[in-house]
N, C-alpha and C. Protein backbone atom coordinates (compact mmCIF):
# COMPACT_ATOMS: atom_id res chain seq x y z
N MET A 1 0.84 -1.19 0.00
CA MET A 1 0.00 0.00 0.00
C MET A 1 0.87 1.24 0.00
N ASP A 2 0.35 2.31 -0.47
CA ASP A 2 1.05 3.58 -0.53
C ASP A 2 1.03 4.25 0.84
N ILE A 3 2.19 4.67 1.31
CA ILE A 3 2.30 5.29 2.64
C ILE A 3 1.47 6.56 2.71
N MET A 4 1.53 7.37 1.67
CA MET A 4 0.79 8.63 1.70
C MET A 4 -0.71 8.39 1.78
N PHE A 5 -1.22 7.37 1.09
CA PHE A 5 -2.65 7.04 1.16
C PHE A 5 -3.03 6.66 2.59
N LEU A 6 -2.19 5.85 3.23
CA LEU A 6 -2.48 5.43 4.61
C LEU A 6 -2.44 6.62 5.56
N LEU A 7 -1.50 7.52 5.35
CA LEU A 7 -1.43 8.72 6.20
C LEU A 7 -2.65 9.60 6.01
N GLU A 8 -3.12 9.70 4.77
CA GLU A 8 -4.34 10.49 4.52
C GLU A 8 -5.54 9.86 5.20
N ARG A 9 -5.61 8.53 5.22
CA ARG A 9 -6.72 7.86 5.92
C ARG A 9 -6.63 8.10 7.43
N LEU A 10 -5.41 8.06 7.98
CA LEU A 10 -5.23 8.32 9.41
C LEU A 10 -5.64 9.75 9.74
N GLU A 11 -5.23 10.67 8.90
CA GLU A 11 -5.60 12.07 9.10
C GLU A 11 -7.11 12.24 9.01
N SER A 12 -7.74 11.54 8.09
CA SER A 12 -9.19 11.59 7.93
C SER A 12 -9.88 11.06 9.18
N GLN A 13 -9.36 9.97 9.75
CA GLN A 13 -9.95 9.42 10.98
C GLN A 13 -9.92 10.46 12.10
N ILE A 14 -8.81 11.16 12.21
CA ILE A 14 -8.68 12.17 13.26
C ILE A 14 -9.58 13.36 12.96
N ALA A 15 -9.61 13.78 11.69
CA ALA A 15 -10.39 14.96 11.32
C ALA A 15 -11.90 14.72 11.46
N THR A 16 -12.34 13.50 11.24
CA THR A 16 -13.78 13.22 11.29
C THR A 16 -14.21 12.62 12.63
N GLY A 17 -13.31 12.60 13.62
CA GLY A 17 -13.64 12.05 14.93
C GLY A 17 -14.68 12.93 15.63
N THR A 18 -15.35 12.37 16.61
CA THR A 18 -16.37 13.09 17.38
C THR A 18 -15.68 14.08 18.30
N GLY A 19 -16.08 15.35 18.24
CA GLY A 19 -15.46 16.39 19.04
C GLY A 19 -15.87 16.30 20.51
N VAL A 20 -14.91 16.59 21.40
CA VAL A 20 -15.20 16.68 22.82
C VAL A 20 -15.54 18.14 23.11
N PRO A 21 -16.72 18.39 23.69
CA PRO A 21 -17.15 19.78 23.91
C PRO A 21 -16.13 20.59 24.71
N ARG A 22 -15.98 21.83 24.32
CA ARG A 22 -15.12 22.82 24.96
C ARG A 22 -13.64 22.43 24.96
N THR A 23 -13.25 21.55 24.06
CA THR A 23 -11.83 21.22 23.89
C THR A 23 -11.55 21.06 22.41
N ARG A 24 -10.29 20.96 22.10
CA ARG A 24 -9.90 20.71 20.71
C ARG A 24 -9.69 19.22 20.48
N LYS A 25 -10.12 18.41 21.41
CA LYS A 25 -9.90 16.97 21.34
C LYS A 25 -11.05 16.31 20.57
N VAL A 26 -10.70 15.15 19.99
CA VAL A 26 -11.71 14.37 19.28
C VAL A 26 -11.59 12.92 19.71
N LEU A 27 -12.69 12.21 19.63
CA LEU A 27 -12.70 10.78 19.88
C LEU A 27 -12.65 10.08 18.52
N VAL A 28 -11.74 9.12 18.41
CA VAL A 28 -11.63 8.39 17.16
C VAL A 28 -11.81 6.90 17.43
N ASP A 29 -12.10 6.18 16.38
CA ASP A 29 -12.25 4.74 16.49
C ASP A 29 -10.87 4.13 16.69
N LYS A 30 -10.63 3.64 17.90
CA LYS A 30 -9.31 3.12 18.26
C LYS A 30 -8.89 1.99 17.32
N ASP A 31 -9.81 1.06 17.02
CA ASP A 31 -9.47 -0.07 16.16
C ASP A 31 -9.08 0.39 14.76
N ALA A 32 -9.80 1.38 14.24
CA ALA A 32 -9.50 1.87 12.89
C ALA A 32 -8.12 2.53 12.85
N VAL A 33 -7.81 3.33 13.88
CA VAL A 33 -6.51 4.01 13.92
C VAL A 33 -5.38 2.99 14.08
N LEU A 34 -5.57 2.03 14.98
CA LEU A 34 -4.54 1.01 15.16
C LEU A 34 -4.36 0.17 13.90
N ASP A 35 -5.45 -0.10 13.19
CA ASP A 35 -5.36 -0.84 11.93
C ASP A 35 -4.54 -0.06 10.91
N LEU A 36 -4.77 1.26 10.83
CA LEU A 36 -4.00 2.08 9.89
C LEU A 36 -2.52 2.10 10.28
N ILE A 37 -2.23 2.15 11.57
CA ILE A 37 -0.84 2.14 12.02
C ILE A 37 -0.20 0.80 11.66
N ASP A 38 -0.93 -0.31 11.82
CA ASP A 38 -0.40 -1.61 11.43
C ASP A 38 -0.12 -1.66 9.93
N GLN A 39 -1.03 -1.09 9.13
CA GLN A 39 -0.82 -1.06 7.68
C GLN A 39 0.41 -0.22 7.32
N LEU A 40 0.62 0.88 8.06
CA LEU A 40 1.81 1.70 7.83
C LEU A 40 3.07 0.91 8.16
N ARG A 41 3.03 0.12 9.22
CA ARG A 41 4.19 -0.69 9.57
C ARG A 41 4.52 -1.68 8.45
N VAL A 42 3.50 -2.17 7.80
CA VAL A 42 3.72 -3.11 6.69
C VAL A 42 4.22 -2.35 5.46
N ALA A 43 3.68 -1.16 5.22
CA ALA A 43 4.02 -0.39 4.01
C ALA A 43 5.45 0.12 4.05
N VAL A 44 5.94 0.53 5.21
CA VAL A 44 7.30 1.08 5.29
C VAL A 44 8.34 0.05 4.86
N PRO A 45 8.27 -1.21 5.36
CA PRO A 45 9.25 -2.18 4.87
C PRO A 45 9.15 -2.43 3.37
N GLU A 46 7.94 -2.33 2.79
CA GLU A 46 7.81 -2.50 1.34
C GLU A 46 8.61 -1.41 0.62
N GLU A 47 8.54 -0.19 1.14
CA GLU A 47 9.30 0.91 0.53
C GLU A 47 10.81 0.65 0.68
N ILE A 48 11.21 0.12 1.81
CA ILE A 48 12.62 -0.18 2.02
C ILE A 48 13.07 -1.28 1.06
N HIS A 49 12.22 -2.29 0.87
CA HIS A 49 12.56 -3.35 -0.09
C HIS A 49 12.68 -2.78 -1.50
N ALA A 50 11.81 -1.84 -1.82
CA ALA A 50 11.88 -1.20 -3.14
C ALA A 50 13.21 -0.47 -3.29
N ALA A 51 13.63 0.21 -2.23
CA ALA A 51 14.92 0.92 -2.28
C ALA A 51 16.07 -0.07 -2.46
N LYS A 52 15.99 -1.22 -1.78
CA LYS A 52 17.03 -2.22 -1.93
C LYS A 52 17.07 -2.76 -3.37
N ARG A 53 15.87 -2.96 -3.94
CA ARG A 53 15.83 -3.43 -5.33
C ARG A 53 16.46 -2.39 -6.26
N ILE A 54 16.16 -1.13 -6.00
CA ILE A 54 16.72 -0.06 -6.83
C ILE A 54 18.23 -0.03 -6.67
N ASN A 55 18.71 -0.20 -5.45
CA ASN A 55 20.15 -0.21 -5.21
C ASN A 55 20.79 -1.39 -5.93
N ALA A 56 20.16 -2.56 -5.87
CA ALA A 56 20.69 -3.74 -6.57
C ALA A 56 20.70 -3.49 -8.08
N GLU A 57 19.65 -2.83 -8.57
CA GLU A 57 19.58 -2.52 -10.01
C GLU A 57 20.72 -1.58 -10.40
N SER A 58 21.01 -0.59 -9.53
CA SER A 58 22.11 0.32 -9.87
C SER A 58 23.45 -0.42 -9.87
N GLU A 59 23.61 -1.37 -8.94
CA GLU A 59 24.84 -2.16 -8.93
C GLU A 59 24.94 -3.01 -10.20
N ARG A 60 23.80 -3.56 -10.63
CA ARG A 60 23.80 -4.34 -11.87
C ARG A 60 24.18 -3.46 -13.05
N ILE A 61 23.69 -2.22 -13.07
CA ILE A 61 24.02 -1.30 -14.16
C ILE A 61 25.51 -0.98 -14.14
N ILE A 62 26.04 -0.77 -12.94
CA ILE A 62 27.49 -0.49 -12.83
C ILE A 62 28.29 -1.69 -13.30
N GLU A 63 27.87 -2.88 -12.90
CA GLU A 63 28.57 -4.10 -13.33
C GLU A 63 28.51 -4.25 -14.86
N LYS A 64 27.34 -3.95 -15.41
CA LYS A 64 27.19 -4.02 -16.87
C LYS A 64 28.12 -3.01 -17.55
N ALA A 65 28.22 -1.82 -16.95
CA ALA A 65 29.11 -0.80 -17.51
C ALA A 65 30.57 -1.27 -17.45
N ASN A 66 30.93 -1.91 -16.33
CA ASN A 66 32.30 -2.44 -16.22
C ASN A 66 32.56 -3.51 -17.27
N ASP A 67 31.57 -4.39 -17.46
CA ASP A 67 31.71 -5.43 -18.49
C ASP A 67 31.87 -4.80 -19.88
N GLU A 68 31.02 -3.80 -20.14
CA GLU A 68 31.09 -3.11 -21.44
C GLU A 68 32.46 -2.45 -21.61
N SER A 69 32.94 -1.84 -20.52
CA SER A 69 34.26 -1.21 -20.57
C SER A 69 35.34 -2.24 -20.88
N GLY A 70 35.22 -3.43 -20.24
CA GLY A 70 36.20 -4.50 -20.52
C GLY A 70 36.14 -4.97 -21.96
N ARG A 71 34.91 -5.11 -22.49
CA ARG A 71 34.77 -5.54 -23.88
C ARG A 71 35.36 -4.49 -24.83
N ILE A 72 35.07 -3.23 -24.55
CA ILE A 72 35.61 -2.16 -25.41
C ILE A 72 37.13 -2.14 -25.35
N SER A 73 37.65 -2.33 -24.13
CA SER A 73 39.11 -2.35 -23.98
C SER A 73 39.72 -3.51 -24.73
N ALA A 74 39.09 -4.68 -24.62
CA ALA A 74 39.60 -5.86 -25.34
C ALA A 74 39.53 -5.63 -26.85
N ARG A 75 38.43 -5.03 -27.31
CA ARG A 75 38.29 -4.75 -28.73
C ARG A 75 39.37 -3.75 -29.18
N ALA A 76 39.65 -2.77 -28.31
CA ALA A 76 40.68 -1.79 -28.65
C ALA A 76 42.05 -2.46 -28.77
N GLN A 77 42.30 -3.38 -27.85
CA GLN A 77 43.59 -4.08 -27.92
C GLN A 77 43.66 -4.96 -29.17
N GLU A 78 42.55 -5.62 -29.49
CA GLU A 78 42.53 -6.43 -30.71
C GLU A 78 42.74 -5.55 -31.94
N GLN A 79 42.08 -4.41 -31.93
CA GLN A 79 42.21 -3.50 -33.07
C GLN A 79 43.64 -2.98 -33.17
N ALA A 80 44.24 -2.69 -32.01
CA ALA A 80 45.62 -2.21 -32.02
C ALA A 80 46.56 -3.30 -32.54
N THR A 81 46.35 -4.51 -32.11
CA THR A 81 47.17 -5.63 -32.59
C THR A 81 47.01 -5.81 -34.09
N PHE A 82 45.77 -5.71 -34.54
CA PHE A 82 45.52 -5.83 -35.98
C PHE A 82 46.25 -4.74 -36.74
N LEU A 83 46.17 -3.51 -36.24
CA LEU A 83 46.84 -2.41 -36.93
C LEU A 83 48.35 -2.59 -36.94
N ILE A 84 48.88 -3.07 -35.82
CA ILE A 84 50.32 -3.31 -35.76
C ILE A 84 50.72 -4.41 -36.74
N GLY A 85 49.98 -5.50 -36.69
CA GLY A 85 50.31 -6.66 -37.54
C GLY A 85 50.11 -6.37 -39.02
N GLU A 86 49.06 -5.73 -39.39
CA GLU A 86 48.73 -5.52 -40.78
C GLU A 86 49.42 -4.31 -41.37
N ARG A 87 49.46 -3.29 -40.68
CA ARG A 87 49.96 -2.05 -41.28
C ARG A 87 51.27 -1.56 -40.68
N GLY A 88 51.65 -2.15 -39.56
CA GLY A 88 52.90 -1.71 -38.95
C GLY A 88 52.83 -0.31 -38.39
N LEU A 89 51.65 0.11 -38.08
CA LEU A 89 51.48 1.49 -37.59
C LEU A 89 51.36 1.47 -36.05
N LEU A 90 52.45 1.19 -35.40
CA LEU A 90 52.45 1.04 -33.96
C LEU A 90 51.94 2.29 -33.25
N GLU A 91 52.42 3.41 -33.62
CA GLU A 91 52.03 4.65 -32.95
C GLU A 91 50.55 4.95 -33.15
N ALA A 92 50.07 4.77 -34.37
CA ALA A 92 48.66 5.02 -34.65
C ALA A 92 47.78 4.04 -33.88
N ALA A 93 48.23 2.79 -33.81
CA ALA A 93 47.45 1.78 -33.09
C ALA A 93 47.42 2.08 -31.60
N GLN A 94 48.54 2.48 -31.05
CA GLN A 94 48.58 2.82 -29.63
C GLN A 94 47.70 4.04 -29.33
N ALA A 95 47.79 5.03 -30.20
CA ALA A 95 46.97 6.23 -30.01
C ALA A 95 45.48 5.87 -30.10
N GLU A 96 45.13 5.05 -31.08
CA GLU A 96 43.74 4.63 -31.23
C GLU A 96 43.30 3.79 -30.03
N GLY A 97 44.17 2.92 -29.57
CA GLY A 97 43.86 2.10 -28.39
C GLY A 97 43.63 2.96 -27.16
N ARG A 98 44.51 3.96 -26.96
CA ARG A 98 44.34 4.87 -25.82
C ARG A 98 43.04 5.66 -25.93
N ARG A 99 42.75 6.09 -27.17
CA ARG A 99 41.51 6.85 -27.37
C ARG A 99 40.29 5.99 -27.07
N ILE A 100 40.30 4.76 -27.56
CA ILE A 100 39.16 3.86 -27.33
C ILE A 100 39.01 3.55 -25.83
N ILE A 101 40.15 3.30 -25.19
CA ILE A 101 40.11 3.02 -23.75
C ILE A 101 39.59 4.24 -22.99
N ALA A 102 40.07 5.42 -23.39
CA ALA A 102 39.61 6.65 -22.73
C ALA A 102 38.10 6.83 -22.95
N ASP A 103 37.67 6.58 -24.20
CA ASP A 103 36.23 6.68 -24.48
C ASP A 103 35.44 5.69 -23.64
N ALA A 104 35.96 4.47 -23.57
CA ALA A 104 35.27 3.44 -22.78
C ALA A 104 35.21 3.83 -21.31
N SER A 105 36.30 4.38 -20.80
CA SER A 105 36.32 4.82 -19.40
C SER A 105 35.32 5.95 -19.17
N GLU A 106 35.26 6.87 -20.14
CA GLU A 106 34.28 7.96 -20.01
C GLU A 106 32.85 7.43 -20.01
N VAL A 107 32.60 6.50 -20.92
CA VAL A 107 31.25 5.91 -20.99
C VAL A 107 30.93 5.19 -19.68
N ALA A 108 31.88 4.40 -19.19
CA ALA A 108 31.66 3.65 -17.95
C ALA A 108 31.46 4.61 -16.78
N ASP A 109 32.29 5.67 -16.71
CA ASP A 109 32.14 6.65 -15.64
C ASP A 109 30.79 7.35 -15.72
N GLY A 110 30.36 7.66 -16.95
CA GLY A 110 29.06 8.30 -17.13
C GLY A 110 27.92 7.40 -16.67
N VAL A 111 28.02 6.13 -17.03
CA VAL A 111 26.99 5.18 -16.61
C VAL A 111 27.00 5.04 -15.09
N ARG A 112 28.18 4.94 -14.49
CA ARG A 112 28.29 4.85 -13.03
C ARG A 112 27.69 6.08 -12.36
N LEU A 113 28.07 7.26 -12.87
CA LEU A 113 27.53 8.50 -12.28
C LEU A 113 26.02 8.57 -12.41
N GLY A 114 25.51 8.19 -13.58
CA GLY A 114 24.07 8.19 -13.78
C GLY A 114 23.36 7.22 -12.84
N ALA A 115 23.92 6.02 -12.70
CA ALA A 115 23.32 5.01 -11.82
C ALA A 115 23.37 5.48 -10.37
N ASP A 116 24.52 6.04 -9.97
CA ASP A 116 24.63 6.55 -8.59
C ASP A 116 23.66 7.70 -8.34
N ALA A 117 23.53 8.60 -9.30
CA ALA A 117 22.61 9.73 -9.14
C ALA A 117 21.17 9.24 -9.06
N TYR A 118 20.84 8.28 -9.90
CA TYR A 118 19.48 7.72 -9.88
C TYR A 118 19.19 7.04 -8.54
N ALA A 119 20.14 6.23 -8.07
CA ALA A 119 19.96 5.55 -6.78
C ALA A 119 19.86 6.57 -5.64
N ALA A 120 20.69 7.60 -5.66
CA ALA A 120 20.64 8.63 -4.62
C ALA A 120 19.31 9.36 -4.64
N GLN A 121 18.83 9.67 -5.83
CA GLN A 121 17.53 10.36 -5.95
C GLN A 121 16.40 9.50 -5.39
N ILE A 122 16.38 8.23 -5.74
CA ILE A 122 15.34 7.32 -5.25
C ILE A 122 15.44 7.18 -3.73
N LEU A 123 16.65 7.01 -3.22
CA LEU A 123 16.82 6.86 -1.76
C LEU A 123 16.43 8.14 -1.02
N GLU A 124 16.75 9.30 -1.57
CA GLU A 124 16.34 10.56 -0.94
C GLU A 124 14.83 10.70 -0.95
N SER A 125 14.22 10.33 -2.05
CA SER A 125 12.75 10.38 -2.13
C SER A 125 12.13 9.43 -1.12
N LEU A 126 12.69 8.24 -1.02
CA LEU A 126 12.19 7.27 -0.06
C LEU A 126 12.38 7.78 1.37
N GLU A 127 13.54 8.39 1.63
CA GLU A 127 13.79 8.94 2.97
C GLU A 127 12.76 10.00 3.31
N THR A 128 12.43 10.87 2.36
CA THR A 128 11.43 11.91 2.58
C THR A 128 10.09 11.29 2.90
N GLU A 129 9.69 10.28 2.13
CA GLU A 129 8.39 9.63 2.35
C GLU A 129 8.35 8.95 3.71
N VAL A 130 9.45 8.27 4.06
CA VAL A 130 9.49 7.58 5.36
C VAL A 130 9.45 8.60 6.50
N ARG A 131 10.15 9.73 6.34
CA ARG A 131 10.10 10.77 7.38
C ARG A 131 8.70 11.33 7.53
N LYS A 132 8.01 11.54 6.40
CA LYS A 132 6.63 12.04 6.45
C LYS A 132 5.74 11.03 7.16
N ALA A 133 5.92 9.76 6.80
CA ALA A 133 5.11 8.71 7.43
C ALA A 133 5.37 8.65 8.92
N LEU A 134 6.64 8.71 9.31
CA LEU A 134 6.99 8.67 10.72
C LEU A 134 6.44 9.88 11.45
N ALA A 135 6.51 11.06 10.84
CA ALA A 135 5.96 12.26 11.47
C ALA A 135 4.45 12.12 11.66
N GLY A 136 3.77 11.57 10.65
CA GLY A 136 2.32 11.36 10.77
C GLY A 136 1.99 10.37 11.87
N ILE A 137 2.77 9.31 11.95
CA ILE A 137 2.53 8.31 12.99
C ILE A 137 2.78 8.93 14.37
N GLU A 138 3.89 9.66 14.51
CA GLU A 138 4.19 10.29 15.79
C GLU A 138 3.12 11.31 16.16
N LYS A 139 2.62 12.04 15.20
CA LYS A 139 1.56 13.00 15.48
C LYS A 139 0.30 12.29 15.94
N GLY A 140 -0.07 11.19 15.26
CA GLY A 140 -1.25 10.42 15.65
C GLY A 140 -1.09 9.84 17.05
N ILE A 141 0.08 9.31 17.35
CA ILE A 141 0.33 8.76 18.68
C ILE A 141 0.26 9.87 19.72
N GLY A 142 0.83 11.03 19.41
CA GLY A 142 0.77 12.16 20.34
C GLY A 142 -0.66 12.58 20.62
N VAL A 143 -1.47 12.63 19.58
CA VAL A 143 -2.88 13.00 19.76
C VAL A 143 -3.58 11.98 20.65
N LEU A 144 -3.33 10.70 20.38
CA LEU A 144 -3.97 9.65 21.18
C LEU A 144 -3.49 9.69 22.63
N GLU A 145 -2.20 9.90 22.85
CA GLU A 145 -1.68 9.96 24.22
C GLU A 145 -2.23 11.18 24.95
N ALA A 146 -2.31 12.30 24.28
CA ALA A 146 -2.86 13.50 24.91
C ALA A 146 -4.32 13.29 25.27
N ARG A 147 -5.06 12.65 24.37
CA ARG A 147 -6.47 12.38 24.63
C ARG A 147 -6.62 11.44 25.82
N GLN A 148 -5.79 10.40 25.87
CA GLN A 148 -5.86 9.47 27.00
C GLN A 148 -5.50 10.18 28.30
N ALA A 149 -4.46 11.00 28.29
CA ALA A 149 -4.05 11.72 29.49
C ALA A 149 -5.15 12.67 29.94
N GLU A 150 -5.82 13.26 29.00
CA GLU A 150 -6.89 14.20 29.33
C GLU A 150 -8.11 13.48 29.88
N LEU A 151 -8.41 12.31 29.36
CA LEU A 151 -9.60 11.57 29.80
C LEU A 151 -9.37 10.85 31.13
N GLN A 152 -8.17 10.46 31.47
CA GLN A 152 -7.92 9.74 32.71
C GLN A 152 -8.21 10.60 33.94
N PRO A 153 -7.76 11.85 34.05
CA PRO A 153 -8.10 12.65 35.24
C PRO A 153 -9.61 12.89 35.34
N VAL A 154 -10.31 13.05 34.23
CA VAL A 154 -11.76 13.27 34.26
C VAL A 154 -12.44 12.04 34.82
N ALA A 155 -12.01 10.84 34.44
CA ALA A 155 -12.61 9.61 34.95
C ALA A 155 -12.31 9.46 36.43
N ALA A 156 -11.08 9.80 36.86
CA ALA A 156 -10.72 9.70 38.28
C ALA A 156 -11.54 10.68 39.10
N GLN A 157 -11.76 11.91 38.61
CA GLN A 157 -12.56 12.90 39.33
C GLN A 157 -14.00 12.42 39.45
N ALA A 158 -14.55 11.82 38.42
CA ALA A 158 -15.92 11.33 38.45
C ALA A 158 -16.04 10.22 39.49
N THR A 159 -15.06 9.33 39.59
CA THR A 159 -15.09 8.25 40.56
C THR A 159 -15.02 8.81 41.98
N ASP A 160 -14.15 9.82 42.22
CA ASP A 160 -14.05 10.45 43.54
C ASP A 160 -15.36 11.14 43.90
N ALA A 161 -15.97 11.83 42.96
CA ALA A 161 -17.22 12.54 43.23
C ALA A 161 -18.32 11.55 43.55
N ASP A 162 -18.38 10.42 42.85
CA ASP A 162 -19.39 9.40 43.12
C ASP A 162 -19.19 8.84 44.52
N ALA A 163 -17.95 8.62 44.93
CA ALA A 163 -17.68 8.07 46.26
C ALA A 163 -18.13 9.05 47.34
N ARG A 164 -17.90 10.36 47.15
CA ARG A 164 -18.34 11.37 48.13
C ARG A 164 -19.85 11.40 48.19
N ASP A 165 -20.52 11.36 47.04
CA ASP A 165 -21.99 11.40 47.02
C ASP A 165 -22.56 10.22 47.78
N VAL A 166 -22.02 9.03 47.61
CA VAL A 166 -22.51 7.85 48.30
C VAL A 166 -22.25 7.97 49.79
N ALA A 167 -21.08 8.52 50.18
CA ALA A 167 -20.75 8.66 51.60
C ALA A 167 -21.68 9.66 52.28
N GLU A 168 -22.16 10.64 51.55
CA GLU A 168 -23.02 11.66 52.14
C GLU A 168 -24.47 11.21 52.23
N TRP A 169 -24.86 10.11 51.64
CA TRP A 169 -26.23 9.64 51.70
C TRP A 169 -26.55 9.18 53.12
N PRO A 170 -27.75 9.43 53.56
CA PRO A 170 -28.12 8.93 54.90
C PRO A 170 -28.23 7.41 54.86
N ASP A 171 -28.07 6.83 56.01
CA ASP A 171 -28.14 5.37 56.10
C ASP A 171 -29.56 4.94 55.80
N ALA A 172 -29.73 4.20 54.74
CA ALA A 172 -31.06 3.83 54.27
C ALA A 172 -31.76 2.91 55.25
N ALA A 173 -31.04 2.00 55.89
CA ALA A 173 -31.67 1.07 56.81
C ALA A 173 -32.20 1.80 58.03
N ALA A 174 -31.45 2.77 58.54
CA ALA A 174 -31.89 3.50 59.74
C ALA A 174 -33.11 4.34 59.41
N ASP A 175 -33.17 4.97 58.25
CA ASP A 175 -34.29 5.82 57.90
C ASP A 175 -35.55 5.02 57.65
N ASP A 176 -35.42 3.82 57.07
CA ASP A 176 -36.61 3.01 56.79
C ASP A 176 -37.33 2.67 58.07
N GLY A 177 -36.58 2.31 59.10
CA GLY A 177 -37.20 1.98 60.37
C GLY A 177 -37.86 3.18 61.01
N ALA A 178 -37.23 4.33 60.93
CA ALA A 178 -37.78 5.54 61.54
C ALA A 178 -39.05 5.95 60.83
N LEU A 179 -39.06 5.88 59.53
CA LEU A 179 -40.24 6.27 58.78
C LEU A 179 -41.40 5.34 59.05
N SER A 180 -41.15 4.05 59.15
CA SER A 180 -42.25 3.12 59.36
C SER A 180 -42.85 3.29 60.74
N HIS A 181 -42.04 3.64 61.77
CA HIS A 181 -42.59 3.85 63.12
C HIS A 181 -43.36 5.15 63.17
N GLU A 182 -42.85 6.21 62.50
CA GLU A 182 -43.55 7.49 62.53
C GLU A 182 -44.87 7.41 61.81
N GLU A 183 -44.93 6.75 60.70
CA GLU A 183 -46.16 6.64 59.95
C GLU A 183 -47.17 5.77 60.69
N ASP A 184 -46.68 4.83 61.45
CA ASP A 184 -47.55 3.88 62.10
C ASP A 184 -47.99 4.36 63.49
N ALA A 185 -47.51 5.49 63.90
CA ALA A 185 -47.81 5.97 65.25
C ALA A 185 -49.28 6.26 65.39
N GLY A 186 -50.05 5.26 65.71
CA GLY A 186 -51.47 5.40 66.00
C GLY A 186 -52.36 5.58 64.82
N GLN A 187 -51.86 5.46 63.64
CA GLN A 187 -52.70 5.71 62.48
C GLN A 187 -53.17 4.42 61.82
N THR A 188 -52.61 3.31 62.20
CA THR A 188 -53.04 2.07 61.58
C THR A 188 -54.04 1.38 62.48
N VAL A 189 -54.92 0.71 61.85
CA VAL A 189 -55.94 -0.01 62.58
C VAL A 189 -55.64 -1.49 62.45
N PRO A 190 -55.56 -2.20 63.59
CA PRO A 190 -55.28 -3.62 63.46
C PRO A 190 -56.43 -4.34 62.81
N ARG A 191 -56.19 -5.34 62.08
CA ARG A 191 -57.22 -6.08 61.37
C ARG A 191 -57.50 -7.39 61.98
């Protein structure tokens, strides 16, 4: 899955969460947010594997360039030998061989530089995406932790208030007896 898509879904979950009155906090579906975080954990390694594949591809390109350079060099040497043997033009053959080798080295260096630049560009892009994903995850975790910290004192205060209210209630058993004697004080007729 695409990391940016998952981050947008996480952001959407937070943006569409139920607002807590008089605060900037929202309630979100915990399972949905945790599911998105799990999907992000899966997506990040996929991006890393893609970067490794790109790096391996650049190494293959460099190896191919080295092979091509070797073939060109061998061809240059063969051509130089041919020129020496057939025409006796040692100096011309050596100059041509040096030129071909220099050309081959330039081509190989160009291919290496291009492959390295391509790999660096892909890795930098991947690093940016991973940093964005990590920032989104950290932001989501921060929001959830802040919400939990905010809700825990409210729950503790409600529990303390309930305990005080119960402690302040009159003893129900004592009052029931008093009420029944007061109501019965001469007003009931035996049957």
